[in-house]
C-alpha cells in the first residue's frame, strides 16, 4: 500500500511522484462515495463497500471516497478480509475527502 499526502510521495523503491501521475496509471472499475453513510455505531459504509465489491472480478479496482474516520475502519476491514489497499490519497483542497483504491481479493 502507498499512503499519499496531498502532493507527492516517496515510498520504498517508488521514486517521488506527483499524485495525479500515479492515479492516472490506475484502472478504476467502480467508484463509490460513502461519506454520507458515516455512522460510527453500525459501520454502514463497510456494508456498502462489501456489496459493491461482491460482483466485481478478482483484481478489479474500487475507488472509495470517504472521510478520515471511515479511512480507519475501511483500512482495518480490508486487512481483516484480505482485500488489497493499493493507494490512499488525501485531497489538499478538501481535507474531509480521502480516496482509497481497493483491489478485490478472491473472496
Protein backbone atom coordinates (compact mmCIF):
# COMPACT_ATOMS: atom_id res chain seq x y z
CA UNK A 1 0.00 0.00 0.00
CA UNK A 2 1.12 3.52 -0.72
CA UNK A 3 -0.28 6.24 1.53
CA UNK A 4 0.00 9.58 -0.23
CA UNK A 5 -0.14 13.04 1.18
CA UNK A 6 -1.69 15.83 -0.80
CA UNK A 7 1.10 16.46 -3.29
CA UNK A 8 3.80 13.81 -3.63
CA UNK A 9 5.21 10.60 -2.23
CA UNK A 10 8.47 8.90 -1.50
CA UNK A 11 7.87 5.25 -0.63
CA UNK A 12 10.46 2.49 -0.70
CA UNK A 13 11.57 1.90 -4.26
CA UNK A 14 8.91 4.21 -5.69
CA UNK A 15 10.51 7.50 -6.77
CA UNK A 16 8.92 10.76 -5.72
CA UNK A 17 5.86 11.02 -7.89
CA UNK A 18 3.10 13.51 -8.50
CA UNK A 19 -0.19 12.12 -7.17
CA UNK A 20 -2.09 12.86 -10.37
CA UNK A 21 0.50 10.96 -12.44
CA UNK A 22 0.27 7.89 -10.23
CA UNK A 23 -3.54 7.86 -10.06
CA UNK A 24 -3.76 8.19 -13.85
CA UNK A 25 -1.91 4.88 -14.13
CA UNK A 26 -4.57 3.03 -12.12
CA UNK A 27 -7.56 1.48 -13.91
CA UNK A 28 -10.57 2.04 -11.66
CA UNK A 29 -13.54 -0.27 -12.34
CA UNK A 30 -16.02 1.25 -9.87
CA UNK A 31 -16.25 4.47 -7.83
CA UNK A 32 -18.16 4.57 -4.56
CA UNK A 33 -18.76 7.61 -2.35
CA UNK A 34 -19.55 6.50 1.22
CA UNK A 35 -19.03 9.81 3.03
CA UNK A 36 -22.74 10.39 3.62
CA UNK A 37 -23.09 6.90 5.13
CA UNK A 38 -20.72 7.56 8.04
CA UNK A 39 -22.07 6.18 11.30
CA UNK A 40 -19.52 5.04 13.90
CA UNK A 41 -22.01 2.67 15.52
CA UNK A 42 -23.11 0.42 12.66
CA UNK A 43 -20.27 0.71 10.08
CA UNK A 44 -22.81 1.16 7.26
CA UNK A 45 -20.06 2.23 4.86
CA UNK A 46 -18.39 -1.21 5.19
CA UNK A 47 -21.64 -2.96 4.27
CA UNK A 48 -21.97 -0.78 1.19
CA UNK A 49 -18.35 -1.40 0.17
CA UNK A 50 -18.80 -5.16 0.62
CA UNK A 51 -21.92 -5.09 -1.59
CA UNK A 52 -20.08 -3.10 -4.26
CA UNK A 53 -17.10 -5.49 -4.28
CA UNK A 54 -19.19 -8.68 -4.38
CA UNK A 55 -20.00 -8.70 -8.14
CA UNK A 56 -16.59 -7.34 -9.14
CA UNK A 57 -13.90 -9.60 -10.61
CA UNK A 58 -10.75 -10.53 -8.75
CA UNK A 59 -8.07 -7.79 -9.06
CA UNK A 60 -10.65 -5.17 -10.13
CA UNK A 61 -10.06 -1.79 -8.53
CA UNK A 62 -12.68 0.05 -6.46
CA UNK A 63 -12.15 3.73 -5.68
CA UNK A 64 -13.82 4.59 -2.37
CA UNK A 65 -14.38 8.24 -1.43
CA UNK A 66 -14.55 8.56 2.34
CA UNK A 67 -13.68 10.72 5.35
CA UNK A 68 -10.85 10.38 7.86
CA UNK A 69 -12.84 8.25 10.31
CA UNK A 70 -14.07 5.90 7.60
CA UNK A 71 -10.48 5.55 6.37
CA UNK A 72 -9.53 3.82 9.62
CA UNK A 73 -12.41 1.36 9.58
CA UNK A 74 -12.03 0.62 5.84
CA UNK A 75 -8.29 0.03 6.26
CA UNK A 76 -8.85 -2.36 9.18
CA UNK A 77 -11.66 -4.18 7.37
CA UNK A 78 -9.56 -4.67 4.21
CA UNK A 79 -6.72 -6.12 6.30
CA UNK A 80 -9.18 -8.47 8.02
CA UNK A 81 -10.88 -9.80 4.87
CA UNK A 82 -7.81 -9.72 2.61
CA UNK A 83 -8.61 -7.01 0.07
CA UNK A 84 -5.52 -5.12 -1.04
CA UNK A 85 -5.32 -1.37 -0.46
CA UNK A 86 -3.31 -0.13 -3.41
CA UNK A 87 -3.29 3.58 -2.67
CA UNK A 88 -4.67 6.15 -0.22
CA UNK A 89 -4.72 9.85 -1.07
CA UNK A 90 -5.87 12.96 0.76
CA UNK A 91 -7.38 15.82 -1.20
CA UNK A 92 -5.47 19.03 -0.46
CA UNK A 93 -8.46 21.21 -1.38
CA UNK A 94 -10.94 19.23 0.76
CA UNK A 95 -9.48 17.89 4.00
CA UNK A 96 -12.54 15.69 4.51
CA UNK A 97 -12.07 13.80 1.22
CA UNK A 98 -9.92 10.68 1.23
CA UNK A 99 -9.60 8.34 -1.74
CA UNK A 100 -8.90 4.67 -1.09
CA UNK A 101 -8.09 2.40 -4.03
CA UNK A 102 -9.06 -1.17 -3.10
CA UNK A 103 -8.13 -4.19 -5.18
CA UNK A 104 -10.64 -7.02 -4.80
CA UNK A 105 -9.22 -10.27 -3.50
CA UNK A 106 -10.50 -13.76 -4.30
CA UNK A 107 -13.15 -13.87 -1.57
